[in-house]
Amino acid sequence: MSQHIAFVTGAMGGLGTAFCQAFDKAGYKVVAAYHPEFDDKEAWLAEQKAEGFTNFIPVACDVGNYESCVAAAAEAEKLAGGVIDVLVNNAGITRDKFFTKMDKGQWDAVINTNLTSVYNVTQPFAAKMAEKGWGRVINISSVNGVKGQAGQTNYSAAKAGVIGFTKALAAEMATKGVTVNAITPGYVATKMVMAIREDILQSIVDTVPMKRLAKPEEIAGLAVYLASDLAGFITGATMNINGGLYYQ
């Protein structure tokens, strides 16, 4: 079988980088989708090269814009030399505010980037995966999409929507050789999280029964497993990886 090709959105963030590196180590071609306005492609590629990762294929993609996603899909297939058969919908933002003070722009930005994006990115790839008879769609939700979180009605709603999308698409794709699953991480030790003031970070860790944050590579390892042939009988699942923060 030809080499599988993984397309990772939000690739140049902390968790996205872990996904890219894990799939590269597992032998996949990796397309690193980045936002042309907010990500520094050259700096990220230089950092990856310094760590020994030299094969990433960067593609600009505004996940909140459908036309941009269609163009990115076509460019990814051209540059990678084949059909994308593993998709990791990882891109996301937060605009936290208590609901009574949340403005429409904060709601729309999070719903568009975290939920509508899953349609925008998946739609150009899904039919081709089905036609090929093999594919993996891995959607990154959040523990707050299953338990809710004060100050995050927009984020929690979007991430809960990702889970609903996952279950419905899994049902549609079940006979096509395409699995669709969601990962719901808890708090992860990305560079952004580790930059939080020490006392606040400690208060977050104290809420986790395992008394630590997830390592990015632990989340990425689950994604690589879900993309493997060994996970071929798992579809429509919500995979909790949160250190016991929430039991479902």
Protein backbone atom coordinates (compact mmCIF):
# COMPACT_ATOMS: atom_id res chain seq x y z
CA MET A 1 0.00 0.00 0.00
CA SER A 2 1.22 3.53 -0.75
CA GLN A 3 2.27 5.80 2.08
CA HIS A 4 -0.61 7.35 4.00
CA ILE A 5 -0.89 11.14 3.95
CA ALA A 6 -2.03 13.05 7.06
CA PHE A 7 -3.46 16.58 6.93
CA VAL A 8 -3.25 18.38 10.29
CA THR A 9 -5.00 21.69 10.92
CA GLY A 10 -3.68 24.13 13.50
CA ALA A 11 -0.41 22.36 12.79
CA MET A 12 1.90 25.05 14.09
CA GLY A 13 0.38 25.30 17.57
CA GLY A 14 1.60 23.27 20.52
CA LEU A 15 -0.71 20.31 20.09
CA GLY A 16 -0.64 20.54 16.31
CA THR A 17 3.14 20.29 16.34
CA ALA A 18 2.91 17.14 18.46
CA PHE A 19 0.48 15.62 15.93
CA CYS A 20 2.79 16.44 13.03
CA GLN A 21 5.83 14.98 14.74
CA ALA A 22 4.03 11.82 15.86
CA PHE A 23 2.65 11.09 12.40
CA ASP A 24 6.03 11.77 10.82
CA LYS A 25 7.67 9.31 13.22
CA ALA A 26 4.98 6.75 12.35
CA GLY A 27 5.88 6.95 8.67
CA TYR A 28 3.16 9.22 7.30
CA LYS A 29 3.59 12.07 4.88
CA VAL A 30 2.42 15.09 6.87
CA VAL A 31 0.73 18.20 5.49
CA ALA A 32 0.95 20.97 8.10
CA ALA A 33 -1.97 23.33 7.55
CA TYR A 34 -1.36 26.78 9.01
CA HIS A 35 -3.13 30.12 9.14
CA PRO A 36 -1.38 32.50 6.75
CA GLU A 37 -2.05 35.53 8.96
CA PHE A 38 -1.39 34.21 12.46
CA ASP A 39 1.30 31.54 12.03
CA ASP A 40 4.99 32.14 11.30
CA LYS A 41 5.60 29.35 8.81
CA GLU A 42 9.33 29.92 8.33
CA ALA A 43 10.09 30.11 12.06
CA TRP A 44 8.10 26.93 12.71
CA LEU A 45 9.78 25.02 9.89
CA ALA A 46 13.18 26.12 11.20
CA GLU A 47 12.29 24.87 14.68
CA GLN A 48 11.16 21.53 13.27
CA LYS A 49 14.30 21.19 11.17
CA ALA A 50 16.42 21.79 14.27
CA GLU A 51 14.60 18.87 15.92
CA GLY A 52 15.19 16.62 12.92
CA PHE A 53 11.82 16.96 11.18
CA THR A 54 12.52 18.00 7.60
CA ASN A 55 9.66 16.50 5.59
CA PHE A 56 6.61 18.52 6.61
CA ILE A 57 4.58 19.99 3.75
CA PRO A 58 3.22 23.42 4.79
CA VAL A 59 -0.07 24.55 3.27
CA ALA A 60 -1.89 27.79 4.05
CA CYS A 61 -5.47 27.26 5.19
CA ASP A 62 -7.96 29.52 6.93
CA VAL A 63 -10.20 26.86 8.45
CA GLY A 64 -12.99 29.37 8.96
CA ASN A 65 -13.24 30.01 5.22
CA TYR A 66 -14.66 27.25 3.02
CA GLU A 67 -13.03 28.43 -0.20
CA SER A 68 -9.65 28.55 1.53
CA CYS A 69 -10.13 24.96 2.71
CA VAL A 70 -11.05 23.73 -0.77
CA ALA A 71 -7.95 25.42 -2.20
CA ALA A 72 -5.77 24.00 0.61
CA ALA A 73 -7.09 20.49 -0.02
CA ALA A 74 -6.20 20.70 -3.70
CA GLU A 75 -2.74 22.09 -2.95
CA ALA A 76 -2.11 19.43 -0.30
CA GLU A 77 -2.95 16.60 -2.68
CA LYS A 78 -0.75 18.11 -5.39
CA LEU A 79 2.26 18.65 -3.10
CA ALA A 80 1.89 15.32 -1.26
CA GLY A 81 1.29 13.39 -4.46
CA GLY A 82 -1.87 11.57 -3.48
CA VAL A 83 -5.24 11.51 -1.75
CA ILE A 84 -5.30 12.70 1.86
CA ASP A 85 -6.53 9.71 3.84
CA VAL A 86 -5.91 10.85 7.44
CA LEU A 87 -7.42 14.13 8.62
CA VAL A 88 -6.80 15.67 12.03
CA ASN A 89 -9.20 18.55 12.70
CA ASN A 90 -7.20 20.26 15.42
CA ALA A 91 -7.46 24.02 14.77
CA GLY A 92 -9.25 26.01 17.46
CA ILE A 93 -9.38 29.23 19.45
CA THR A 94 -10.84 30.49 22.71
CA ARG A 95 -12.63 33.77 23.43
CA ASP A 96 -13.58 33.21 27.06
CA LYS A 97 -16.19 35.40 28.76
CA PHE A 98 -19.15 34.80 31.03
CA PHE A 99 -22.19 34.43 28.81
CA THR A 100 -24.01 37.55 30.03
CA LYS A 101 -20.98 39.61 28.98
CA MET A 102 -20.10 37.68 25.81
CA ASP A 103 -20.59 39.67 22.63
CA LYS A 104 -21.76 38.26 19.31
CA GLY A 105 -18.30 38.52 17.79
CA GLN A 106 -16.78 36.32 20.52
CA TRP A 107 -19.52 33.73 20.00
CA ASP A 108 -19.23 33.73 16.21
CA ALA A 109 -15.43 33.56 16.16
CA VAL A 110 -15.30 30.43 18.31
CA ILE A 111 -18.21 28.65 16.61
CA ASN A 112 -16.74 29.40 13.18
CA THR A 113 -13.15 28.38 13.97
CA ASN A 114 -13.90 25.41 16.22
CA LEU A 115 -17.07 23.91 14.71
CA THR A 116 -17.89 25.25 11.25
CA SER A 117 -14.24 24.60 10.38
CA VAL A 118 -14.80 20.87 10.84
CA TYR A 119 -17.29 20.98 7.97
CA ASN A 120 -15.08 23.29 5.91
CA VAL A 121 -12.01 21.06 6.16
CA THR A 122 -13.62 17.62 6.12
CA GLN A 123 -15.98 18.16 3.21
CA PRO A 124 -13.27 18.39 0.50
CA PHE A 125 -11.70 15.10 1.67
CA ALA A 126 -14.56 12.84 2.79
CA ALA A 127 -15.86 11.68 -0.60
CA LYS A 128 -12.35 10.86 -1.80
CA MET A 129 -11.66 8.79 1.32
CA ALA A 130 -14.89 6.88 0.72
CA GLU A 131 -14.02 6.33 -2.93
CA LYS A 132 -10.60 5.03 -1.91
CA GLY A 133 -12.25 2.72 0.63
CA TRP A 134 -9.96 3.75 3.48
CA GLY A 135 -9.74 6.85 5.61
CA ARG A 136 -9.46 8.29 9.09
CA VAL A 137 -11.07 11.48 10.37
CA ILE A 138 -9.89 12.46 13.85
CA ASN A 139 -11.64 15.45 15.40
CA ILE A 140 -10.13 17.21 18.39
CA SER A 141 -12.85 18.17 20.83
CA SER A 142 -12.26 18.95 24.52
CA VAL A 143 -13.14 17.77 28.00
CA ASN A 144 -15.15 20.98 28.22
CA GLY A 145 -17.26 19.80 25.30
CA VAL A 146 -18.51 16.92 27.45
CA LYS A 147 -18.67 18.52 30.91
CA GLY A 148 -19.10 22.22 30.12
CA GLN A 149 -17.06 25.04 31.63
CA ALA A 150 -18.12 28.36 33.11
CA GLY A 151 -16.92 31.23 30.96
CA GLN A 152 -16.81 29.02 27.89
CA THR A 153 -20.35 28.67 26.57
CA ASN A 154 -19.06 29.35 23.06
CA TYR A 155 -16.13 26.93 23.30
CA SER A 156 -18.09 24.20 25.12
CA ALA A 157 -20.93 24.43 22.60
CA ALA A 158 -18.52 24.21 19.66
CA LYS A 159 -16.62 21.27 21.10
CA ALA A 160 -19.86 19.44 21.96
CA GLY A 161 -20.92 20.06 18.36
CA VAL A 162 -17.71 18.42 17.16
CA ILE A 163 -18.73 15.27 19.04
CA GLY A 164 -22.18 15.27 17.43
CA PHE A 165 -20.62 15.80 14.00
CA THR A 166 -18.26 12.89 14.66
CA LYS A 167 -21.04 10.45 15.55
CA ALA A 168 -23.21 11.38 12.59
CA LEU A 169 -20.43 11.25 10.02
CA ALA A 170 -19.20 7.97 11.49
CA ALA A 171 -22.63 6.47 10.82
CA GLU A 172 -22.54 7.70 7.22
CA MET A 173 -19.03 6.41 6.57
CA ALA A 174 -19.19 3.10 8.42
CA THR A 175 -19.57 0.99 5.27
CA LYS A 176 -16.99 3.00 3.31
CA GLY A 177 -13.85 1.97 5.16
CA VAL A 178 -13.63 5.40 6.79
CA THR A 179 -13.62 5.79 10.57
CA VAL A 180 -14.52 9.04 12.33
CA ASN A 181 -13.58 9.57 15.96
CA ALA A 182 -13.22 12.40 18.47
CA ILE A 183 -10.49 12.96 21.04
CA THR A 184 -11.44 15.03 24.10
CA PRO A 185 -8.23 16.16 25.82
CA GLY A 186 -8.10 17.71 29.25
CA TYR A 187 -5.42 20.25 30.11
CA VAL A 188 -2.28 19.76 28.02
CA ALA A 189 1.24 21.03 28.77
CA THR A 190 1.72 23.06 25.61
CA LYS A 191 4.07 26.05 25.61
CA MET A 192 1.08 28.38 25.83
CA VAL A 193 -0.33 26.62 28.89
CA MET A 194 3.06 26.38 30.60
CA ALA A 195 3.42 30.16 30.23
CA ILE A 196 0.45 30.71 32.56
CA ARG A 197 1.35 32.31 35.88
CA GLU A 198 2.66 29.62 38.21
CA ASP A 199 0.01 29.91 40.92
CA ILE A 200 -2.81 29.82 38.37
CA LEU A 201 -1.24 26.84 36.61
CA GLN A 202 -0.96 25.02 39.93
CA SER A 203 -4.63 25.65 40.65
CA ILE A 204 -5.46 24.01 37.30
CA VAL A 205 -3.25 21.00 38.03
CA ASP A 206 -4.88 20.63 41.46
CA THR A 207 -8.26 19.94 39.78
CA VAL A 208 -6.85 16.95 37.89
CA PRO A 209 -6.99 13.64 39.82
CA MET A 210 -3.63 12.56 38.37
CA LYS A 211 -2.13 15.90 39.53
CA ARG A 212 -0.41 16.70 36.27
CA LEU A 213 -1.08 17.97 32.78
CA ALA A 214 -1.17 15.75 29.72
CA LYS A 215 1.97 15.63 27.61
CA PRO A 216 1.25 16.71 24.01
CA GLU A 217 2.78 13.48 22.76
CA GLU A 218 0.22 11.48 24.79
CA ILE A 219 -2.63 13.10 22.87
CA ALA A 220 -0.73 12.68 19.59
CA GLY A 221 -0.07 9.02 20.35
CA LEU A 222 -3.79 8.38 20.63
CA ALA A 223 -4.34 10.07 17.26
CA VAL A 224 -1.71 7.90 15.61
CA TYR A 225 -3.37 4.81 17.07
CA LEU A 226 -6.81 5.88 15.80
CA ALA A 227 -5.28 6.32 12.34
CA SER A 228 -3.80 2.83 12.33
CA ASP A 229 -5.23 -0.35 10.88
CA LEU A 230 -5.43 -1.76 14.42
CA ALA A 231 -8.09 0.86 15.19
CA GLY A 232 -10.17 -0.05 12.16
CA PHE A 233 -13.14 -1.23 14.28
CA ILE A 234 -13.35 2.00 16.29
CA THR A 235 -15.69 4.62 14.87
CA GLY A 236 -18.03 7.23 16.32
CA ALA A 237 -16.10 7.08 19.57
CA THR A 238 -15.35 9.88 22.01
CA MET A 239 -11.91 9.17 23.44
CA ASN A 240 -11.42 10.86 26.81
CA ILE A 241 -7.81 11.60 27.75
CA ASN A 242 -7.95 13.92 30.72
CA GLY A 243 -6.18 12.37 33.72
CA GLY A 244 -9.47 11.59 35.42
CA LEU A 245 -10.75 15.17 35.28
CA TYR A 246 -14.08 13.92 33.96
CA TYR A 247 -15.47 10.39 33.79
CA GLN A 248 -17.94 9.51 31.06
